[in-house]
């Protein structure tokens, strides 16, 4: 009986450690996703500014 309790405790510990590792991986993935999202937003803003500047220059040639 005590051997079964010991084995069950060991299995629960292993499962808990696995869960903790997965939660850490999920957290790291979420942080990376947020970072990429911010970078993408900044790049999008730069593209928007460049597009506006290009439109102004094209209009100068069109007139």
N, C-alpha and C. Protein backbone atom coordinates (compact mmCIF):
# COMPACT_ATOMS: atom_id res chain seq x y z
N UNK A 1 0.82 -1.20 0.00
CA UNK A 1 0.00 0.00 0.00
C UNK A 1 0.87 1.27 0.00
N UNK A 2 1.87 1.30 0.86
CA UNK A 2 2.73 2.49 0.91
C UNK A 2 3.52 2.64 -0.38
N UNK A 3 3.81 1.52 -1.04
CA UNK A 3 4.52 1.59 -2.32
C UNK A 3 3.63 2.23 -3.38
N UNK A 4 2.34 1.92 -3.34
CA UNK A 4 1.40 2.52 -4.29
C UNK A 4 1.26 4.01 -4.05
N UNK A 5 1.22 4.40 -2.78
CA UNK A 5 1.12 5.82 -2.43
C UNK A 5 2.38 6.55 -2.91
N UNK A 6 3.53 5.93 -2.68
CA UNK A 6 4.79 6.53 -3.11
C UNK A 6 4.83 6.69 -4.63
N UNK A 7 4.39 5.66 -5.34
CA UNK A 7 4.38 5.73 -6.80
C UNK A 7 3.41 6.79 -7.30
N UNK A 8 2.22 6.86 -6.69
CA UNK A 8 1.23 7.87 -7.09
C UNK A 8 1.75 9.28 -6.81
N UNK A 9 2.41 9.45 -5.68
CA UNK A 9 2.99 10.75 -5.34
C UNK A 9 4.05 11.14 -6.36
N UNK A 10 4.88 10.19 -6.74
CA UNK A 10 5.93 10.45 -7.72
C UNK A 10 5.33 10.82 -9.07
N UNK A 11 4.28 10.11 -9.47
CA UNK A 11 3.62 10.42 -10.74
C UNK A 11 2.97 11.80 -10.71
N UNK A 12 2.39 12.17 -9.57
CA UNK A 12 1.78 13.49 -9.46
C UNK A 12 2.84 14.59 -9.51
N UNK A 13 3.98 14.33 -8.88
CA UNK A 13 5.08 15.30 -8.92
C UNK A 13 5.56 15.49 -10.35
N UNK A 14 5.72 14.40 -11.07
CA UNK A 14 6.16 14.47 -12.47
C UNK A 14 5.14 15.23 -13.31
N UNK A 15 3.86 14.93 -13.11
CA UNK A 15 2.82 15.62 -13.86
C UNK A 15 2.82 17.11 -13.53
N UNK A 16 3.00 17.45 -12.27
CA UNK A 16 3.06 18.86 -11.87
C UNK A 16 4.24 19.58 -12.50
N UNK A 17 5.39 18.92 -12.54
CA UNK A 17 6.58 19.52 -13.16
C UNK A 17 6.36 19.72 -14.66
N UNK A 18 5.75 18.74 -15.30
CA UNK A 18 5.45 18.87 -16.72
C UNK A 18 4.50 20.03 -16.98
N UNK A 19 3.49 20.15 -16.13
CA UNK A 19 2.53 21.26 -16.27
C UNK A 19 3.23 22.60 -16.10
N UNK A 20 4.12 22.69 -15.11
CA UNK A 20 4.85 23.93 -14.87
C UNK A 20 5.71 24.30 -16.07
N UNK A 21 6.38 23.31 -16.66
CA UNK A 21 7.21 23.58 -17.85
C UNK A 21 6.36 24.08 -19.01
N UNK A 22 5.20 23.47 -19.18
CA UNK A 22 4.32 23.88 -20.28
C UNK A 22 3.78 25.29 -20.06
N UNK A 23 3.47 25.62 -18.82
CA UNK A 23 2.99 26.98 -18.51
C UNK A 23 4.08 27.99 -18.79
N UNK A 24 5.32 27.66 -18.44
CA UNK A 24 6.45 28.55 -18.72
C UNK A 24 6.61 28.73 -20.23
N UNK A 25 6.48 27.64 -20.97
CA UNK A 25 6.58 27.74 -22.44
C UNK A 25 5.46 28.59 -23.02
N UNK A 26 4.25 28.43 -22.49
CA UNK A 26 3.12 29.24 -22.97
C UNK A 26 3.37 30.71 -22.67
N UNK A 27 3.88 30.99 -21.48
CA UNK A 27 4.18 32.37 -21.10
C UNK A 27 5.24 32.98 -22.02
N UNK A 28 6.29 32.22 -22.29
CA UNK A 28 7.35 32.72 -23.18
C UNK A 28 6.80 32.95 -24.59
N UNK A 29 5.96 32.06 -25.05
CA UNK A 29 5.35 32.22 -26.38
C UNK A 29 4.48 33.47 -26.43
N UNK A 30 3.72 33.70 -25.36
CA UNK A 30 2.87 34.90 -25.31
C UNK A 30 3.72 36.17 -25.32
N UNK A 31 4.82 36.17 -24.58
CA UNK A 31 5.72 37.33 -24.57
C UNK A 31 6.33 37.57 -25.96
N UNK A 32 6.75 36.49 -26.61
CA UNK A 32 7.30 36.62 -27.97
C UNK A 32 6.26 37.13 -28.95
N UNK A 33 5.04 36.64 -28.81
CA UNK A 33 3.95 37.08 -29.69
C UNK A 33 3.68 38.57 -29.49
N UNK A 34 3.67 39.01 -28.24
CA UNK A 34 3.46 40.44 -27.95
C UNK A 34 4.58 41.28 -28.55
N UNK A 35 5.80 40.80 -28.44
CA UNK A 35 6.94 41.54 -28.99
C UNK A 35 6.85 41.65 -30.50
N UNK A 36 6.52 40.56 -31.16
CA UNK A 36 6.38 40.57 -32.61
C UNK A 36 5.23 41.47 -33.03
N UNK A 37 4.16 41.46 -32.25
CA UNK A 37 3.01 42.31 -32.55
C UNK A 37 3.39 43.78 -32.48
N UNK A 38 4.14 44.16 -31.45
CA UNK A 38 4.57 45.56 -31.33
C UNK A 38 5.49 45.95 -32.48
N UNK A 39 6.38 45.05 -32.84
CA UNK A 39 7.29 45.30 -33.95
C UNK A 39 6.52 45.45 -35.26
N UNK A 40 5.55 44.60 -35.45
CA UNK A 40 4.72 44.65 -36.65
C UNK A 40 3.94 45.97 -36.71
N UNK A 41 3.45 46.40 -35.58
CA UNK A 41 2.71 47.67 -35.53
C UNK A 41 3.63 48.83 -35.90
N UNK A 42 4.84 48.83 -35.36
CA UNK A 42 5.79 49.90 -35.68
C UNK A 42 6.14 49.89 -37.16
N UNK A 43 6.34 48.72 -37.72
CA UNK A 43 6.65 48.60 -39.14
C UNK A 43 5.49 49.09 -39.99
N UNK A 44 4.29 48.75 -39.57
CA UNK A 44 3.10 49.19 -40.29
C UNK A 44 3.00 50.71 -40.28
N UNK A 45 3.29 51.32 -39.16
CA UNK A 45 3.26 52.79 -39.07
C UNK A 45 4.30 53.40 -40.00
N UNK A 46 5.48 52.80 -40.07
CA UNK A 46 6.52 53.30 -40.96
C UNK A 46 6.10 53.18 -42.43
N UNK A 47 5.50 52.06 -42.76
CA UNK A 47 5.03 51.87 -44.15
C UNK A 47 3.95 52.89 -44.48
N UNK A 48 3.08 53.15 -43.54
CA UNK A 48 2.03 54.14 -43.76
C UNK A 48 2.63 55.52 -44.02
N UNK A 49 3.64 55.89 -43.22
CA UNK A 49 4.29 57.19 -43.40
C UNK A 49 4.99 57.25 -44.76
N UNK A 50 5.69 56.19 -45.13
CA UNK A 50 6.37 56.16 -46.43
C UNK A 50 5.38 56.24 -47.58
N UNK A 51 4.25 55.58 -47.44
CA UNK A 51 3.21 55.62 -48.47
C UNK A 51 2.67 57.03 -48.65
N UNK A 52 2.42 57.72 -47.53
CA UNK A 52 1.94 59.10 -47.62
C UNK A 52 2.97 59.99 -48.29
N UNK A 53 4.24 59.82 -47.94
CA UNK A 53 5.30 60.62 -48.56
C UNK A 53 5.40 60.34 -50.06
N UNK A 54 5.28 59.08 -50.42
CA UNK A 54 5.34 58.71 -51.83
C UNK A 54 4.15 59.29 -52.60
N UNK A 55 2.97 59.27 -51.98
CA UNK A 55 1.80 59.84 -52.64
C UNK A 55 1.99 61.34 -52.88
N UNK A 56 2.58 62.04 -51.93
CA UNK A 56 2.83 63.47 -52.10
C UNK A 56 3.79 63.71 -53.25
N UNK A 57 4.84 62.90 -53.33
CA UNK A 57 5.82 63.07 -54.40
C UNK A 57 5.22 62.74 -55.77
N UNK A 58 4.39 61.74 -55.83
CA UNK A 58 3.75 61.37 -57.10
C UNK A 58 2.81 62.48 -57.54
N UNK A 59 2.10 63.09 -56.60
CA UNK A 59 1.19 64.19 -56.93
C UNK A 59 1.96 65.38 -57.50
N UNK A 60 3.15 65.62 -56.99
CA UNK A 60 3.96 66.73 -57.52
C UNK A 60 4.29 66.50 -59.00
N UNK A 61 4.55 65.28 -59.37
CA UNK A 61 4.87 64.97 -60.78
C UNK A 61 3.61 64.98 -61.64
N UNK A 62 2.48 64.71 -61.05
CA UNK A 62 1.24 64.64 -61.81
C UNK A 62 0.71 66.01 -62.17
N UNK A 63 1.04 66.99 -61.41
CA UNK A 63 0.45 68.32 -61.63
C UNK A 63 1.15 69.07 -62.69
